[in-house]
Amino acid sequence: MKFSGWYGIVVGLMMVMMWVFFLASGQVPELETEPLSIYFHLVAEFATAVLLFVAGIGLLKNCQRAKKTFLVAAGMLVYTVINSPGYYAQRSEWAFVVMFGIILIVAIASIFSVAKHLKN
């Protein structure tokens, strides 16, 4: 489960860093064109990132509750990596689509890894 813990921490941090970069560099035109939609999206993204980070730390510390927290966070991540590639595919930014595919595959593997260690 150490891999899943580190995965949660790294992906959570990378999500925050990606959005901070995009926002700081003015690469989020939806702030002007669809502000409510992007604000809700950002809240969901940051909530996912924070929960992944917290759950990852908990997994590394062998906290029993972290397993269930990680499963919730990873479920949120699965949703976002299925939903988000459409935006980038529409813009023909295929590197991002591939990146999301890789994140999805590893997220699913991490979910199975943590789920097999759950106690009823």
Protein backbone atom coordinates (compact mmCIF):
# COMPACT_ATOMS: atom_id res chain seq x y z
CA MET A 1 0.00 0.00 0.00
CA LYS A 2 3.01 2.27 0.13
CA PHE A 3 2.75 2.66 -3.63
CA SER A 4 -0.89 3.77 -3.31
CA GLY A 5 0.08 6.19 -0.55
CA TRP A 6 2.81 7.76 -2.63
CA TYR A 7 0.53 7.74 -5.66
CA GLY A 8 -2.11 9.71 -3.74
CA ILE A 9 0.43 12.23 -2.49
CA VAL A 10 2.12 12.74 -5.87
CA VAL A 11 -1.09 12.96 -7.91
CA GLY A 12 -2.71 15.27 -5.34
CA LEU A 13 0.29 17.60 -5.41
CA MET A 14 0.53 17.49 -9.20
CA MET A 15 -3.15 18.38 -9.54
CA VAL A 16 -2.69 21.46 -7.36
CA MET A 17 0.52 22.45 -9.15
CA MET A 18 -1.09 22.03 -12.58
CA TRP A 19 -4.06 24.23 -11.71
CA VAL A 20 -1.91 26.86 -10.01
CA PHE A 21 0.26 27.01 -13.14
CA PHE A 22 -2.74 27.22 -15.49
CA LEU A 23 -4.44 29.88 -13.37
CA ALA A 24 -1.27 31.94 -12.83
CA SER A 25 -0.37 31.86 -16.52
CA GLY A 26 -3.85 32.88 -17.66
CA GLN A 27 -4.53 29.57 -19.41
CA VAL A 28 -8.07 29.17 -18.09
CA PRO A 29 -10.27 31.14 -20.50
CA GLU A 30 -13.35 29.65 -18.84
CA LEU A 31 -12.84 32.12 -16.00
CA GLU A 32 -14.21 34.70 -18.44
CA THR A 33 -16.50 32.58 -20.62
CA GLU A 34 -17.96 30.11 -18.09
CA PRO A 35 -17.02 31.35 -14.60
CA LEU A 36 -19.57 29.38 -12.58
CA SER A 37 -18.82 26.16 -14.37
CA ILE A 38 -15.06 26.48 -13.91
CA TYR A 39 -15.38 27.52 -10.25
CA PHE A 40 -17.38 24.38 -9.48
CA HIS A 41 -14.87 22.34 -11.47
CA LEU A 42 -11.96 23.86 -9.56
CA VAL A 43 -13.59 23.12 -6.21
CA ALA A 44 -14.02 19.48 -7.25
CA GLU A 45 -10.44 19.26 -8.52
CA PHE A 46 -8.93 20.80 -5.38
CA ALA A 47 -11.13 18.65 -3.12
CA THR A 48 -9.93 15.57 -4.98
CA ALA A 49 -6.31 16.69 -4.71
CA VAL A 50 -6.49 17.42 -0.99
CA LEU A 51 -8.27 14.16 -0.21
CA LEU A 52 -5.72 12.18 -2.26
CA PHE A 53 -2.88 13.90 -0.41
CA VAL A 54 -4.37 13.33 3.05
CA ALA A 55 -5.28 9.72 2.29
CA GLY A 56 -1.81 9.09 0.87
CA ILE A 57 -0.17 10.32 4.06
CA GLY A 58 -2.57 8.19 6.08
CA LEU A 59 -1.71 5.10 4.04
CA LEU A 60 2.00 5.67 4.60
CA LYS A 61 1.31 5.91 8.34
CA ASN A 62 -0.79 2.70 8.23
CA CYS A 63 -3.89 4.50 9.44
CA GLN A 64 -6.85 2.13 9.03
CA ARG A 65 -9.29 4.95 8.13
CA ALA A 66 -6.97 6.10 5.35
CA LYS A 67 -7.86 3.01 3.33
CA LYS A 68 -11.50 4.01 3.01
CA THR A 69 -10.56 7.66 2.55
CA PHE A 70 -8.21 6.68 -0.25
CA LEU A 71 -10.95 4.69 -1.96
CA VAL A 72 -13.23 7.75 -1.91
CA ALA A 73 -10.43 10.02 -3.16
CA ALA A 74 -9.41 7.56 -5.86
CA GLY A 75 -13.05 7.29 -6.95
CA MET A 76 -13.14 11.06 -7.28
CA LEU A 77 -9.92 10.87 -9.30
CA VAL A 78 -11.33 8.17 -11.59
CA TYR A 79 -14.28 10.43 -12.36
CA THR A 80 -12.05 13.39 -13.18
CA VAL A 81 -9.64 11.42 -15.37
CA ILE A 82 -12.58 10.03 -17.36
CA ASN A 83 -14.26 13.43 -17.66
CA SER A 84 -11.27 15.74 -18.25
CA PRO A 85 -9.68 14.19 -21.35
CA GLY A 86 -12.65 15.24 -23.46
CA TYR A 87 -11.68 18.89 -23.02
CA TYR A 88 -8.14 18.20 -24.22
CA ALA A 89 -9.21 15.84 -27.02
CA GLN A 90 -11.49 18.60 -28.33
CA ARG A 91 -8.41 20.83 -28.52
CA SER A 92 -6.27 18.04 -30.07
CA GLU A 93 -3.92 18.06 -27.08
CA TRP A 94 -3.28 14.32 -27.18
CA ALA A 95 -0.42 14.27 -24.68
CA PHE A 96 -2.90 15.25 -21.96
CA VAL A 97 -5.33 12.56 -23.11
CA VAL A 98 -2.58 9.93 -22.84
CA MET A 99 -1.53 11.29 -19.44
CA PHE A 100 -5.09 10.96 -18.12
CA GLY A 101 -5.25 7.40 -19.47
CA ILE A 102 -2.10 6.45 -17.58
CA ILE A 103 -3.38 8.11 -14.40
CA LEU A 104 -6.64 6.16 -14.78
CA ILE A 105 -4.90 2.80 -15.16
CA VAL A 106 -2.67 3.39 -12.13
CA ALA A 107 -5.64 4.71 -10.09
CA ILE A 108 -7.60 1.53 -10.78
CA ALA A 109 -4.61 -0.62 -9.82
CA SER A 110 -4.22 1.41 -6.60
CA ILE A 111 -7.91 0.99 -5.79
CA PHE A 112 -7.63 -2.79 -6.08
CA SER A 113 -4.43 -2.79 -4.04
CA VAL A 114 -6.03 -0.86 -1.16
CA ALA A 115 -9.39 -2.64 -1.38
CA LYS A 116 -7.82 -6.06 -0.85
CA HIS A 117 -6.42 -4.82 2.49
CA LEU A 118 -9.77 -3.60 3.84
CA LYS A 119 -11.11 -5.26 6.96
CA ASN A 120 -14.88 -5.53 7.30
